[in-house]
Amino acid sequence: MEYLERELRIAVASLPPLVRRAMSVALASGWYSIEHGGYESATGVCPIVAAAKIAGFWRDGHTADGGPEWGTETEPSPPCFEFAVCFDMYAEVAGTDTALDLVLEELTSETVRRAA
């Protein structure tokens, strides 16, 4: 599990700044039910979808007009895809809440490091 945790931390740090900021806002808002195992379902979304929705770039099941940071209508950008895979793998073992706590911790530490 340590390997999966490390990979998720790396994936968060590798997200483009715009995506990280949107994810921070989306997750802090409490507006989204976060789940693992897919991008979007009837009961929740992954953190990438929450971020894209809060930024206004999620339409009809894919990112739209968000630029290369987010990806295209047919596939997410490589960093977003890597994050989604790492989040799902870690959440499957540790639980969604634990994975979400790790993501929030990493997003917060990124903000603190940039402000310093």
PDB file of N, CA and C in Angstrom:
ATOM      1  N   MET A   1       0.825  -1.197   0.000  1.00  0.00           N
ATOM      2  CA  MET A   1       0.000   0.000   0.000  1.00  0.00           C
ATOM      3  C   MET A   1       0.867   1.258   0.000  1.00  0.00           C
ATOM      4  N   GLU A   2       2.055   1.197   0.572  1.00  0.00           N
ATOM      5  CA  GLU A   2       2.944   2.360   0.578  1.00  0.00           C
ATOM      6  C   GLU A   2       3.270   2.806  -0.847  1.00  0.00           C
ATOM      7  N   TYR A   3       3.453   1.834  -1.736  1.00  0.00           N
ATOM      8  CA  TYR A   3       3.742   2.153  -3.130  1.00  0.00           C
ATOM      9  C   TYR A   3       2.578   2.934  -3.747  1.00  0.00           C
ATOM     10  N   LEU A   4       1.351   2.457  -3.512  1.00  0.00           N
ATOM     11  CA  LEU A   4       0.179   3.123  -4.079  1.00  0.00           C
ATOM     12  C   LEU A   4       0.007   4.526  -3.508  1.00  0.00           C
ATOM     13  N   GLU A   5       0.291   4.670  -2.215  1.00  0.00           N
ATOM     14  CA  GLU A   5       0.215   5.999  -1.602  1.00  0.00           C
ATOM     15  C   GLU A   5       1.219   6.947  -2.237  1.00  0.00           C
ATOM     16  N   ARG A   6       2.432   6.479  -2.412  1.00  0.00           N
ATOM     17  CA  ARG A   6       3.477   7.312  -3.024  1.00  0.00           C
ATOM     18  C   ARG A   6       3.098   7.695  -4.451  1.00  0.00           C
ATOM     19  N   GLU A   7       2.573   6.736  -5.197  1.00  0.00           N
ATOM     20  CA  GLU A   7       2.178   7.014  -6.580  1.00  0.00           C
ATOM     21  C   GLU A   7       1.039   8.037  -6.642  1.00  0.00           C
ATOM     22  N   LEU A   8       0.100   7.964  -5.710  1.00  0.00           N
ATOM     23  CA  LEU A   8      -0.988   8.946  -5.694  1.00  0.00           C
ATOM     24  C   LEU A   8      -0.443  10.328  -5.347  1.00  0.00           C
ATOM     25  N   ARG A   9       0.466  10.402  -4.396  1.00  0.00           N
ATOM     26  CA  ARG A   9       1.069  11.701  -4.052  1.00  0.00           C
ATOM     27  C   ARG A   9       1.782  12.299  -5.264  1.00  0.00           C
ATOM     28  N   ILE A  10       2.524  11.471  -5.983  1.00  0.00           N
ATOM     29  CA  ILE A  10       3.227  11.930  -7.186  1.00  0.00           C
ATOM     30  C   ILE A  10       2.219  12.392  -8.239  1.00  0.00           C
ATOM     31  N   ALA A  11       1.131  11.637  -8.395  1.00  0.00           N
ATOM     32  CA  ALA A  11       0.113  11.990  -9.392  1.00  0.00           C
ATOM     33  C   ALA A  11      -0.539  13.335  -9.064  1.00  0.00           C
ATOM     34  N   VAL A  12      -0.806  13.583  -7.784  1.00  0.00           N
ATOM     35  CA  VAL A  12      -1.379  14.888  -7.388  1.00  0.00           C
ATOM     36  C   VAL A  12      -0.392  15.999  -7.724  1.00  0.00           C
ATOM     37  N   ALA A  13       0.860  15.808  -7.351  1.00  0.00           N
ATOM     38  CA  ALA A  13       1.879  16.834  -7.590  1.00  0.00           C
ATOM     39  C   ALA A  13       2.110  17.065  -9.079  1.00  0.00           C
ATOM     40  N   SER A  14       1.822  16.063  -9.908  1.00  0.00           N
ATOM     41  CA  SER A  14       2.051  16.166 -11.355  1.00  0.00           C
ATOM     42  C   SER A  14       0.891  16.811 -12.107  1.00  0.00           C
ATOM     43  N   LEU A  15      -0.218  17.021 -11.425  1.00  0.00           N
ATOM     44  CA  LEU A  15      -1.353  17.665 -12.103  1.00  0.00           C
ATOM     45  C   LEU A  15      -0.991  19.099 -12.471  1.00  0.00           C
ATOM     46  N   PRO A  16      -1.470  19.572 -13.608  1.00  0.00           N
ATOM     47  CA  PRO A  16      -1.243  20.979 -13.974  1.00  0.00           C
ATOM     48  C   PRO A  16      -1.817  21.909 -12.899  1.00  0.00           C
ATOM     49  N   PRO A  17      -1.196  23.057 -12.687  1.00  0.00           N
ATOM     50  CA  PRO A  17      -1.660  23.990 -11.646  1.00  0.00           C
ATOM     51  C   PRO A  17      -3.148  24.333 -11.730  1.00  0.00           C
ATOM     52  N   LEU A  18      -3.662  24.543 -12.923  1.00  0.00           N
ATOM     53  CA  LEU A  18      -5.080  24.866 -13.089  1.00  0.00           C
ATOM     54  C   LEU A  18      -5.956  23.732 -12.557  1.00  0.00           C
ATOM     55  N   VAL A  19      -5.581  22.513 -12.842  1.00  0.00           N
ATOM     56  CA  VAL A  19      -6.352  21.354 -12.387  1.00  0.00           C
ATOM     57  C   VAL A  19      -6.250  21.225 -10.865  1.00  0.00           C
ATOM     58  N   ARG A  20      -5.063  21.412 -10.317  1.00  0.00           N
ATOM     59  CA  ARG A  20      -4.885  21.338  -8.856  1.00  0.00           C
ATOM     60  C   ARG A  20      -5.738  22.383  -8.149  1.00  0.00           C
ATOM     61  N   ARG A  21      -5.727  23.605  -8.671  1.00  0.00           N
ATOM     62  CA  ARG A  21      -6.530  24.673  -8.041  1.00  0.00           C
ATOM     63  C   ARG A  21      -8.022  24.344  -8.098  1.00  0.00           C
ATOM     64  N   ALA A  22      -8.475  23.902  -9.247  1.00  0.00           N
ATOM     65  CA  ALA A  22      -9.895  23.550  -9.393  1.00  0.00           C
ATOM     66  C   ALA A  22     -10.255  22.376  -8.485  1.00  0.00           C
ATOM     67  N   MET A  23      -9.354  21.410  -8.362  1.00  0.00           N
ATOM     68  CA  MET A  23      -9.615  20.265  -7.502  1.00  0.00           C
ATOM     69  C   MET A  23      -9.674  20.699  -6.040  1.00  0.00           C
ATOM     70  N   SER A  24      -8.794  21.585  -5.642  1.00  0.00           N
ATOM     71  CA  SER A  24      -8.814  22.101  -4.267  1.00  0.00           C
ATOM     72  C   SER A  24     -10.157  22.754  -3.961  1.00  0.00           C
ATOM     73  N   VAL A  25     -10.625  23.594  -4.862  1.00  0.00           N
ATOM     74  CA  VAL A  25     -11.892  24.289  -4.662  1.00  0.00           C
ATOM     75  C   VAL A  25     -13.051  23.290  -4.652  1.00  0.00           C
ATOM     76  N   ALA A  26     -13.047  22.372  -5.603  1.00  0.00           N
ATOM     77  CA  ALA A  26     -14.145  21.401  -5.711  1.00  0.00           C
ATOM     78  C   ALA A  26     -14.237  20.523  -4.473  1.00  0.00           C
ATOM     79  N   LEU A  27     -13.099  20.016  -4.015  1.00  0.00           N
ATOM     80  CA  LEU A  27     -13.121  19.118  -2.867  1.00  0.00           C
ATOM     81  C   LEU A  27     -13.449  19.869  -1.579  1.00  0.00           C
ATOM     82  N   ALA A  28     -12.989  21.108  -1.460  1.00  0.00           N
ATOM     83  CA  ALA A  28     -13.283  21.903  -0.266  1.00  0.00           C
ATOM     84  C   ALA A  28     -14.751  22.345  -0.233  1.00  0.00           C
ATOM     85  N   SER A  29     -15.374  22.420  -1.391  1.00  0.00           N
ATOM     86  CA  SER A  29     -16.749  22.919  -1.464  1.00  0.00           C
ATOM     87  C   SER A  29     -17.755  21.969  -0.813  1.00  0.00           C
ATOM     88  N   GLY A  30     -17.471  20.678  -0.842  1.00  0.00           N
ATOM     89  CA  GLY A  30     -18.415  19.702  -0.321  1.00  0.00           C
ATOM     90  C   GLY A  30     -19.618  19.476  -1.224  1.00  0.00           C
ATOM     91  N   TRP A  31     -19.594  20.013  -2.416  1.00  0.00           N
ATOM     92  CA  TRP A  31     -20.720  19.904  -3.340  1.00  0.00           C
ATOM     93  C   TRP A  31     -20.806  18.559  -4.047  1.00  0.00           C
ATOM     94  N   TYR A  32     -19.710  17.811  -4.047  1.00  0.00           N
ATOM     95  CA  TYR A  32     -19.648  16.585  -4.835  1.00  0.00           C
ATOM     96  C   TYR A  32     -19.471  15.361  -3.952  1.00  0.00           C
ATOM     97  N   SER A  33     -20.172  14.312  -4.303  1.00  0.00           N
ATOM     98  CA  SER A  33     -19.972  13.010  -3.670  1.00  0.00           C
ATOM     99  C   SER A  33     -18.825  12.336  -4.425  1.00  0.00           C
ATOM    100  N   ILE A  34     -17.718  12.122  -3.740  1.00  0.00           N
ATOM    101  CA  ILE A  34     -16.535  11.582  -4.398  1.00  0.00           C
ATOM    102  C   ILE A  34     -16.541  10.063  -4.292  1.00  0.00           C
ATOM    103  N   GLU A  35     -16.292   9.414  -5.421  1.00  0.00           N
ATOM    104  CA  GLU A  35     -16.231   7.962  -5.497  1.00  0.00           C
ATOM    105  C   GLU A  35     -14.998   7.556  -6.285  1.00  0.00           C
ATOM    106  N   HIS A  36     -14.634   6.301  -6.170  1.00  0.00           N
ATOM    107  CA  HIS A  36     -13.579   5.748  -7.010  1.00  0.00           C
ATOM    108  C   HIS A  36     -14.194   4.688  -7.919  1.00  0.00           C
ATOM    109  N   GLY A  37     -13.448   4.290  -8.919  1.00  0.00           N
ATOM    110  CA  GLY A  37     -13.912   3.232  -9.808  1.00  0.00           C
ATOM    111  C   GLY A  37     -14.498   3.709 -11.122  1.00  0.00           C
ATOM    112  N   GLY A  38     -14.488   4.987 -11.367  1.00  0.00           N
ATOM    113  CA  GLY A  38     -15.004   5.522 -12.619  1.00  0.00           C
ATOM    114  C   GLY A  38     -15.035   7.035 -12.549  1.00  0.00           C
ATOM    115  N   TYR A  39     -15.199   7.650 -13.691  1.00  0.00           N
ATOM    116  CA  TYR A  39     -15.217   9.110 -13.714  1.00  0.00           C
ATOM    117  C   TYR A  39     -16.492   9.681 -13.120  1.00  0.00           C
ATOM    118  N   GLU A  40     -17.635   9.116 -13.528  1.00  0.00           N
ATOM    119  CA  GLU A  40     -18.907   9.685 -13.096  1.00  0.00           C
ATOM    120  C   GLU A  40     -19.959   8.583 -13.076  1.00  0.00           C
ATOM    121  N   SER A  41     -20.758   8.574 -12.010  1.00  0.00           N
ATOM    122  CA  SER A  41     -21.866   7.621 -11.932  1.00  0.00           C
ATOM    123  C   SER A  41     -23.084   8.365 -11.404  1.00  0.00           C
ATOM    124  N   ALA A  42     -24.165   7.646 -11.229  1.00  0.00           N
ATOM    125  CA  ALA A  42     -25.380   8.265 -10.705  1.00  0.00           C
ATOM    126  C   ALA A  42     -25.216   8.701  -9.252  1.00  0.00           C
ATOM    127  N   THR A  43     -24.220   8.142  -8.559  1.00  0.00           N
ATOM    128  CA  THR A  43     -24.062   8.435  -7.131  1.00  0.00           C
ATOM    129  C   THR A  43     -22.846   9.290  -6.791  1.00  0.00           C
ATOM    130  N   GLY A  44     -21.944   9.515  -7.741  1.00  0.00           N
ATOM    131  CA  GLY A  44     -20.769  10.328  -7.423  1.00  0.00           C
ATOM    132  C   GLY A  44     -19.827  10.504  -8.588  1.00  0.00           C
ATOM    133  N   VAL A  45     -18.741  11.211  -8.310  1.00  0.00           N
ATOM    134  CA  VAL A  45     -17.738  11.513  -9.334  1.00  0.00           C
ATOM    135  C   VAL A  45     -16.341  11.318  -8.751  1.00  0.00           C
ATOM    136  N   CYS A  46     -15.369  11.179  -9.628  1.00  0.00           N
ATOM    137  CA  CYS A  46     -13.982  11.144  -9.174  1.00  0.00           C
ATOM    138  C   CYS A  46     -13.501  12.592  -8.990  1.00  0.00           C
ATOM    139  N   PRO A  47     -12.412  12.798  -8.274  1.00  0.00           N
ATOM    140  CA  PRO A  47     -11.934  14.166  -8.047  1.00  0.00           C
ATOM    141  C   PRO A  47     -11.648  14.951  -9.329  1.00  0.00           C
ATOM    142  N   ILE A  48     -11.211  14.276 -10.379  1.00  0.00           N
ATOM    143  CA  ILE A  48     -10.953  14.975 -11.649  1.00  0.00           C
ATOM    144  C   ILE A  48     -12.245  15.554 -12.213  1.00  0.00           C
ATOM    145  N   VAL A  49     -13.318  14.781 -12.163  1.00  0.00           N
ATOM    146  CA  VAL A  49     -14.602  15.276 -12.668  1.00  0.00           C
ATOM    147  C   VAL A  49     -15.104  16.428 -11.790  1.00  0.00           C
ATOM    148  N   ALA A  50     -14.969  16.289 -10.479  1.00  0.00           N
ATOM    149  CA  ALA A  50     -15.376  17.386  -9.592  1.00  0.00           C
ATOM    150  C   ALA A  50     -14.618  18.663  -9.952  1.00  0.00           C
ATOM    151  N   ALA A  51     -13.313  18.529 -10.186  1.00  0.00           N
ATOM    152  CA  ALA A  51     -12.495  19.690 -10.560  1.00  0.00           C
ATOM    153  C   ALA A  51     -12.945  20.275 -11.889  1.00  0.00           C
ATOM    154  N   ALA A  52     -13.183  19.419 -12.874  1.00  0.00           N
ATOM    155  CA  ALA A  52     -13.611  19.897 -14.192  1.00  0.00           C
ATOM    156  C   ALA A  52     -14.987  20.557 -14.118  1.00  0.00           C
ATOM    157  N   LYS A  53     -15.866  20.001 -13.284  1.00  0.00           N
ATOM    158  CA  LYS A  53     -17.201  20.602 -13.143  1.00  0.00           C
ATOM    159  C   LYS A  53     -17.111  21.981 -12.511  1.00  0.00           C
ATOM    160  N   ILE A  54     -16.331  22.108 -11.454  1.00  0.00           N
ATOM    161  CA  ILE A  54     -16.236  23.407 -10.771  1.00  0.00           C
ATOM    162  C   ILE A  54     -15.587  24.450 -11.674  1.00  0.00           C
ATOM    163  N   ALA A  55     -14.700  23.988 -12.565  1.00  0.00           N
ATOM    164  CA  ALA A  55     -14.035  24.902 -13.498  1.00  0.00           C
ATOM    165  C   ALA A  55     -14.891  25.174 -14.738  1.00  0.00           C
ATOM    166  N   GLY A  56     -15.989  24.454 -14.881  1.00  0.00           N
ATOM    167  CA  GLY A  56     -16.880  24.656 -16.021  1.00  0.00           C
ATOM    168  C   GLY A  56     -16.452  23.925 -17.280  1.00  0.00           C
ATOM    169  N   PHE A  57     -15.620  22.895 -17.127  1.00  0.00           N
ATOM    170  CA  PHE A  57     -15.088  22.192 -18.295  1.00  0.00           C
ATOM    171  C   PHE A  57     -15.628  20.773 -18.456  1.00  0.00           C
ATOM    172  N   TRP A  58     -16.632  20.370 -17.699  1.00  0.00           N
ATOM    173  CA  TRP A  58     -17.184  19.022 -17.820  1.00  0.00           C
ATOM    174  C   TRP A  58     -18.546  19.104 -18.475  1.00  0.00           C
ATOM    175  N   ARG A  59     -18.656  18.480 -19.653  1.00  0.00           N
ATOM    176  CA  ARG A  59     -19.924  18.495 -20.381  1.00  0.00           C
ATOM    177  C   ARG A  59     -20.161  17.134 -21.019  1.00  0.00           C
ATOM    178  N   ASP A  60     -21.339  16.620 -20.834  1.00  0.00           N
ATOM    179  CA  ASP A  60     -21.763  15.377 -21.494  1.00  0.00           C
ATOM    180  C   ASP A  60     -20.765  14.239 -21.304  1.00  0.00           C
ATOM    181  N   GLY A  61     -20.228  14.103 -20.102  1.00  0.00           N
ATOM    182  CA  GLY A  61     -19.359  12.976 -19.795  1.00  0.00           C
ATOM    183  C   GLY A  61     -17.910  13.117 -20.201  1.00  0.00           C
ATOM    184  N   HIS A  62     -17.463  14.322 -20.519  1.00  0.00           N
ATOM    185  CA  HIS A  62     -16.059  14.523 -20.896  1.00  0.00           C
ATOM    186  C   HIS A  62     -15.674  15.985 -20.696  1.00  0.00           C
ATOM    187  N   THR A  63     -14.368  16.234 -20.705  1.00  0.00           N
ATOM    188  CA  THR A  63     -13.920  17.618 -20.606  1.00  0.00           C
ATOM    189  C   THR A  63     -14.148  18.313 -21.939  1.00  0.00           C
ATOM    190  N   ALA A  64     -14.449  19.575 -21.872  1.00  0.00           N
ATOM    191  CA  ALA A  64     -14.701  20.342 -23.082  1.00  0.00           C
ATOM    192  C   ALA A  64     -14.157  21.755 -22.892  1.00  0.00           C
ATOM    193  N   ASP A  65     -13.405  22.219 -23.837  1.00  0.00           N
ATOM    194  CA  ASP A  65     -12.924  23.591 -23.866  1.00  0.00           C
ATOM    195  C   ASP A  65     -11.997  23.963 -22.705  1.00  0.00           C
ATOM    196  N   GLY A  66     -11.434  22.982 -22.037  1.00  0.00           N
ATOM    197  CA  GLY A  66     -10.574  23.282 -20.904  1.00  0.00           C
ATOM    198  C   GLY A  66      -9.119  23.457 -21.268  1.00  0.00           C
ATOM    199  N   GLY A  67      -8.766  23.100 -22.472  1.00  0.00           N
ATOM    200  CA  GLY A  67      -7.381  23.203 -22.900  1.00  0.00           C
ATOM    201  C   GLY A  67      -6.612  21.929 -22.614  1.00  0.00           C
ATOM    202  N   PRO A  68      -5.353  21.931 -22.972  1.00  0.00           N
ATOM    203  CA  PRO A  68      -4.539  20.711 -22.878  1.00  0.00           C
ATOM    204  C   PRO A  68      -4.334  20.211 -21.448  1.00  0.00           C
ATOM    205  N   GLU A  69      -4.479  21.092 -20.462  1.00  0.00           N
ATOM    206  CA  GLU A  69      -4.325  20.652 -19.072  1.00  0.00           C
ATOM    207  C   GLU A  69      -5.341  19.575 -18.715  1.00  0.00           C
ATOM    208  N   TRP A  70      -6.530  19.678 -19.292  1.00  0.00           N
ATOM    209  CA  TRP A  70      -7.625  18.770 -18.965  1.00  0.00           C
ATOM    210  C   TRP A  70      -7.691  17.576 -19.902  1.00  0.00           C
ATOM    211  N   GLY A  71      -7.345  17.776 -21.159  1.00  0.00           N
ATOM    212  CA  GLY A  71      -7.459  16.716 -22.156  1.00  0.00           C
ATOM    213  C   GLY A  71      -8.411  17.127 -23.261  1.00  0.00           C
ATOM    214  N   THR A  72      -8.828  16.142 -24.014  1.00  0.00           N
ATOM    215  CA  THR A  72      -9.723  16.391 -25.143  1.00  0.00           C
ATOM    216  C   THR A  72     -11.095  15.790 -24.841  1.00  0.00           C
ATOM    217  N   GLU A  73     -11.991  15.948 -25.794  1.00  0.00           N
ATOM    218  CA  GLU A  73     -13.316  15.350 -25.640  1.00  0.00           C
ATOM    219  C   GLU A  73     -13.259  13.835 -25.624  1.00  0.00           C
ATOM    220  N   THR A  74     -12.200  13.260 -26.152  1.00  0.00           N
ATOM    221  CA  THR A  74     -12.120  11.799 -26.231  1.00  0.00           C
ATOM    222  C   THR A  74     -11.246  11.163 -25.159  1.00  0.00           C
ATOM    223  N   GLU A  75     -10.365  11.951 -24.530  1.00  0.00           N
ATOM    224  CA  GLU A  75      -9.534  11.372 -23.472  1.00  0.00           C
ATOM    225  C   GLU A  75      -8.955  12.454 -22.578  1.00  0.00           C
ATOM    226  N   PRO A  76      -8.752  12.109 -21.309  1.00  0.00           N
ATOM    227  CA  PRO A  76      -8.151  13.084 -20.396  1.00  0.00           C
ATOM    228  C   PRO A  76      -6.675  13.284 -20.727  1.00  0.00           C
ATOM    229  N   SER A  77      -6.113  14.369 -20.245  1.00  0.00           N
ATOM    230  CA  SER A  77      -4.669  14.590 -20.421  1.00  0.00           C
ATOM    231  C   SER A  77      -3.922  13.486 -19.668  1.00  0.00           C
ATOM    232  N   PRO A  78      -2.694  13.187 -20.061  1.00  0.00           N
ATOM    233  CA  PRO A  78      -1.934  12.144 -19.357  1.00  0.00           C
ATOM    234  C   PRO A  78      -1.840  12.362 -17.843  1.00  0.00           C
ATOM    235  N   PRO A  79      -1.569  13.588 -17.348  1.00  0.00           N
ATOM    236  CA  PRO A  79      -1.526  13.739 -15.885  1.00  0.00           C
ATOM    237  C   PRO A  79      -2.881  13.490 -15.215  1.00  0.00           C
ATOM    238  N   CYS A  80      -3.969  13.906 -15.852  1.00  0.00           N
ATOM    239  CA  CYS A  80      -5.297  13.672 -15.283  1.00  0.00           C
ATOM    240  C   CYS A  80      -5.632  12.183 -15.285  1.00  0.00           C
ATOM    241  N   PHE A  81      -5.280  11.500 -16.355  1.00  0.00           N
ATOM    242  CA  PHE A  81      -5.521  10.060 -16.431  1.00  0.00           C
ATOM    243  C   PHE A  81      -4.698   9.323 -15.375  1.00  0.00           C
ATOM    244  N   GLU A  82      -3.434   9.701 -15.239  1.00  0.00           N
ATOM    245  CA  GLU A  82      -2.563   9.073 -14.240  1.00  0.00           C
ATOM    246  C   GLU A  82      -3.123   9.287 -12.837  1.00  0.00           C
ATOM    247  N   PHE A  83      -3.591  10.493 -12.552  1.00  0.00           N
ATOM    248  CA  PHE A  83      -4.204  10.757 -11.257  1.00  0.00           C
ATOM    249  C   PHE A  83      -5.406   9.846 -11.043  1.00  0.00           C
ATOM    250  N   ALA A  84      -6.293   9.770 -12.033  1.00  0.00           N
ATOM    251  CA  ALA A  84      -7.508   8.964 -11.890  1.00  0.00           C
ATOM    252  C   ALA A  84      -7.171   7.497 -11.612  1.00  0.00           C
ATOM    253  N   VAL A  85      -6.193   6.961 -12.322  1.00  0.00           N
ATOM    254  CA  VAL A  85      -5.782   5.571 -12.115  1.00  0.00           C
ATOM    255  C   VAL A  85      -5.217   5.391 -10.708  1.00  0.00           C
ATOM    256  N   CYS A  86      -4.325   6.285 -10.308  1.00  0.00           N
ATOM    257  CA  CYS A  86      -3.704   6.184  -8.979  1.00  0.00           C
ATOM    258  C   CYS A  86      -4.741   6.350  -7.872  1.00  0.00           C
ATOM    259  N   PHE A  87      -5.675   7.280  -8.050  1.00  0.00           N
ATOM    260  CA  PHE A  87      -6.730   7.478  -7.048  1.00  0.00           C
ATOM    261  C   PHE A  87      -7.559   6.215  -6.908  1.00  0.00           C
ATOM    262  N   ASP A  88      -7.977   5.637  -8.028  1.00  0.00           N
ATOM    263  CA  ASP A  88      -8.791   4.422  -7.985  1.00  0.00           C
ATOM    264  C   ASP A  88      -8.051   3.259  -7.340  1.00  0.00           C
ATOM    265  N   MET A  89      -6.793   3.089  -7.696  1.00  0.00           N
ATOM    266  CA  MET A  89      -6.022   1.969  -7.144  1.00  0.00           C
ATOM    267  C   MET A  89      -5.830   2.120  -5.636  1.00  0.00           C
ATOM    268  N   TYR A  90      -5.479   3.311  -5.187  1.00  0.00           N
ATOM    269  CA  TYR A  90      -5.271   3.533  -3.756  1.00  0.00           C
ATOM    270  C   TYR A  90      -6.599   3.431  -3.005  1.00  0.00           C
ATOM    271  N   ALA A  91      -7.654   4.018  -3.537  1.00  0.00           N
ATOM    272  CA  ALA A  91      -8.961   3.984  -2.884  1.00  0.00           C
ATOM    273  C   ALA A  91      -9.499   2.563  -2.790  1.00  0.00           C
ATOM    274  N   GLU A  92      -9.203   1.748  -3.758  1.00  0.00           N
ATOM    275  CA  GLU A  92      -9.654   0.358  -3.733  1.00  0.00           C
ATOM    276  C   GLU A  92      -9.062  -0.387  -2.535  1.00  0.00           C
ATOM    277  N   VAL A  93      -7.845  -0.060  -2.171  1.00  0.00           N
ATOM    278  CA  VAL A  93      -7.156  -0.728  -1.063  1.00  0.00           C
ATOM    279  C   VAL A  93      -7.418  -0.019   0.269  1.00  0.00           C
ATOM    280  N   ALA A  94      -7.313   1.291   0.270  1.00  0.00           N
ATOM    281  CA  ALA A  94      -7.369   2.057   1.522  1.00  0.00           C
ATOM    282  C   ALA A  94      -8.753   2.626   1.831  1.00  0.00           C
ATOM    283  N   GLY A  95      -9.621   2.685   0.840  1.00  0.00           N
ATOM    284  CA  GLY A  95     -10.939   3.288   0.998  1.00  0.00           C
ATOM    285  C   GLY A  95     -10.967   4.688   0.391  1.00  0.00           C
ATOM    286  N   THR A  96     -12.128   5.075  -0.080  1.00  0.00           N
ATOM    287  CA  THR A  96     -12.273   6.367  -0.751  1.00  0.00           C
ATOM    288  C   THR A  96     -11.963   7.532   0.190  1.00  0.00           C
ATOM    289  N   ASP A  97     -12.441   7.468   1.418  1.00  0.00           N
ATOM    290  CA  ASP A  97     -12.209   8.573   2.354  1.00  0.00           C
ATOM    291  C   ASP A  97     -10.717   8.762   2.637  1.00  0.00           C
ATOM    292  N   THR A  98      -9.993   7.662   2.803  1.00  0.00           N
ATOM    293  CA  THR A  98      -8.553   7.746   3.056  1.00  0.00           C
ATOM    294  C   THR A  98      -7.829   8.312   1.840  1.00  0.00           C
ATOM    295  N   ALA A  99      -8.230   7.864   0.657  1.00  0.00           N
ATOM    296  CA  ALA A  99      -7.617   8.392  -0.574  1.00  0.00           C
ATOM    297  C   ALA A  99      -7.911   9.876  -0.720  1.00  0.00           C
ATOM    298  N   LEU A 100      -9.115  10.262  -0.417  1.00  0.00           N
ATOM    299  CA  LEU A 100      -9.501  11.675  -0.516  1.00  0.00           C
ATOM    300  C   LEU A 100      -8.725  12.516   0.493  1.00  0.00           C
ATOM    301  N   ASP A 101      -8.554  12.009   1.698  1.00  0.00           N
ATOM    302  CA  ASP A 101      -7.752  12.724   2.702  1.00  0.00           C
ATOM    303  C   ASP A 101      -6.318  12.923   2.215  1.00  0.00           C
ATOM    304  N   LEU A 102      -5.760  11.907   1.589  1.00  0.00           N
ATOM    305  CA  LEU A 102      -4.392  12.004   1.071  1.00  0.00           C
ATOM    306  C   LEU A 102      -4.311  13.065  -0.022  1.00  0.00           C
ATOM    307  N   VAL A 103      -5.290  13.075  -0.922  1.00  0.00           N
ATOM    308  CA  VAL A 103      -5.316  14.067  -2.002  1.00  0.00           C
ATOM    309  C   VAL A 103      -5.417  15.473  -1.415  1.00  0.00           C
ATOM    310  N   LEU A 104      -6.320  15.666  -0.465  1.00  0.00           N
ATOM    311  CA  LEU A 104      -6.469  16.987   0.159  1.00  0.00           C
ATOM    312  C   LEU A 104      -5.190  17.405   0.879  1.00  0.00           C
ATOM    313  N   GLU A 105      -4.561  16.469   1.563  1.00  0.00           N
ATOM    314  CA  GLU A 105      -3.290  16.765   2.234  1.00  0.00           C
ATOM    315  C   GLU A 105      -2.233  17.194   1.232  1.00  0.00           C
ATOM    316  N   GLU A 106      -2.158  16.481   0.127  1.00  0.00           N
ATOM    317  CA  GLU A 106      -1.144  16.798  -0.888  1.00  0.00           C
ATOM    318  C   GLU A 106      -1.451  18.131  -1.561  1.00  0.00           C
ATOM    319  N   LEU A 107      -2.714  18.402  -1.847  1.00  0.00           N
ATOM    320  CA  LEU A 107      -3.091  19.683  -2.441  1.00  0.00           C
ATOM    321  C   LEU A 107      -2.765  20.832  -1.500  1.00  0.00           C
ATOM    322  N   THR A 108      -3.027  20.654  -0.221  1.00  0.00           N
ATOM    323  CA  THR A 108      -2.727  21.670   0.776  1.00  0.00           C
ATOM    324  C   THR A 108      -1.222  21.890   0.899  1.00  0.00           C
ATOM    325  N   SER A 109      -0.466  20.808   0.923  1.00  0.00           N
ATOM    326  CA  SER A 109       0.992  20.950   1.043  1.00  0.00           C
ATOM    327  C   SER A 109       1.569  21.609  -0.204  1.00  0.00           C
ATOM    328  N   GLU A 110       0.993  21.366  -1.361  1.00  0.00           N
ATOM    329  CA  GLU A 110       1.422  22.040  -2.590  1.00  0.00           C
ATOM    330  C   GLU A 110       1.192  23.532  -2.469  1.00  0.00           C
ATOM    331  N   THR A 111       0.039  23.920  -1.938  1.00  0.00           N
ATOM    332  CA  THR A 111      -0.295  25.344  -1.788  1.00  0.00           C
ATOM    333  C   THR A 111       0.676  26.001  -0.806  1.00  0.00           C
ATOM    334  N   VAL A 112       0.955  25.320   0.288  1.00  0.00           N
ATOM    335  CA  VAL A 112       1.859  25.856   1.301  1.00  0.00           C
ATOM    336  C   VAL A 112       3.271  26.009   0.725  1.00  0.00           C
ATOM    337  N   ARG A 113       3.735  24.985  -0.023  1.00  0.00           N
ATOM    338  CA  ARG A 113       5.074  25.060  -0.622  1.00  0.00           C
ATOM    339  C   ARG A 113       5.184  26.217  -1.612  1.00  0.00           C
ATOM    340  N   ARG A 114       4.123  26.453  -2.405  1.00  0.00           N
ATOM    341  CA  ARG A 114       4.170  27.542  -3.381  1.00  0.00           C
ATOM    342  C   ARG A 114       4.143  28.896  -2.696  1.00  0.00           C
ATOM    343  N   ALA A 115       3.441  29.007  -1.569  1.00  0.00           N
ATOM    344  CA  ALA A 115       3.340  30.279  -0.862  1.00  0.00           C
ATOM    345  C   ALA A 115       4.618  30.627  -0.117  1.00  0.00           C
ATOM    346  N   ALA A 116       5.396  29.625   0.221  1.00  0.00           N
ATOM    347  CA  ALA A 116       6.621  29.858   0.997  1.00  0.00           C
ATOM    348  C   ALA A 116       7.717  30.503   0.176  1.00  0.00           C
TER     349      ALA A 116
END
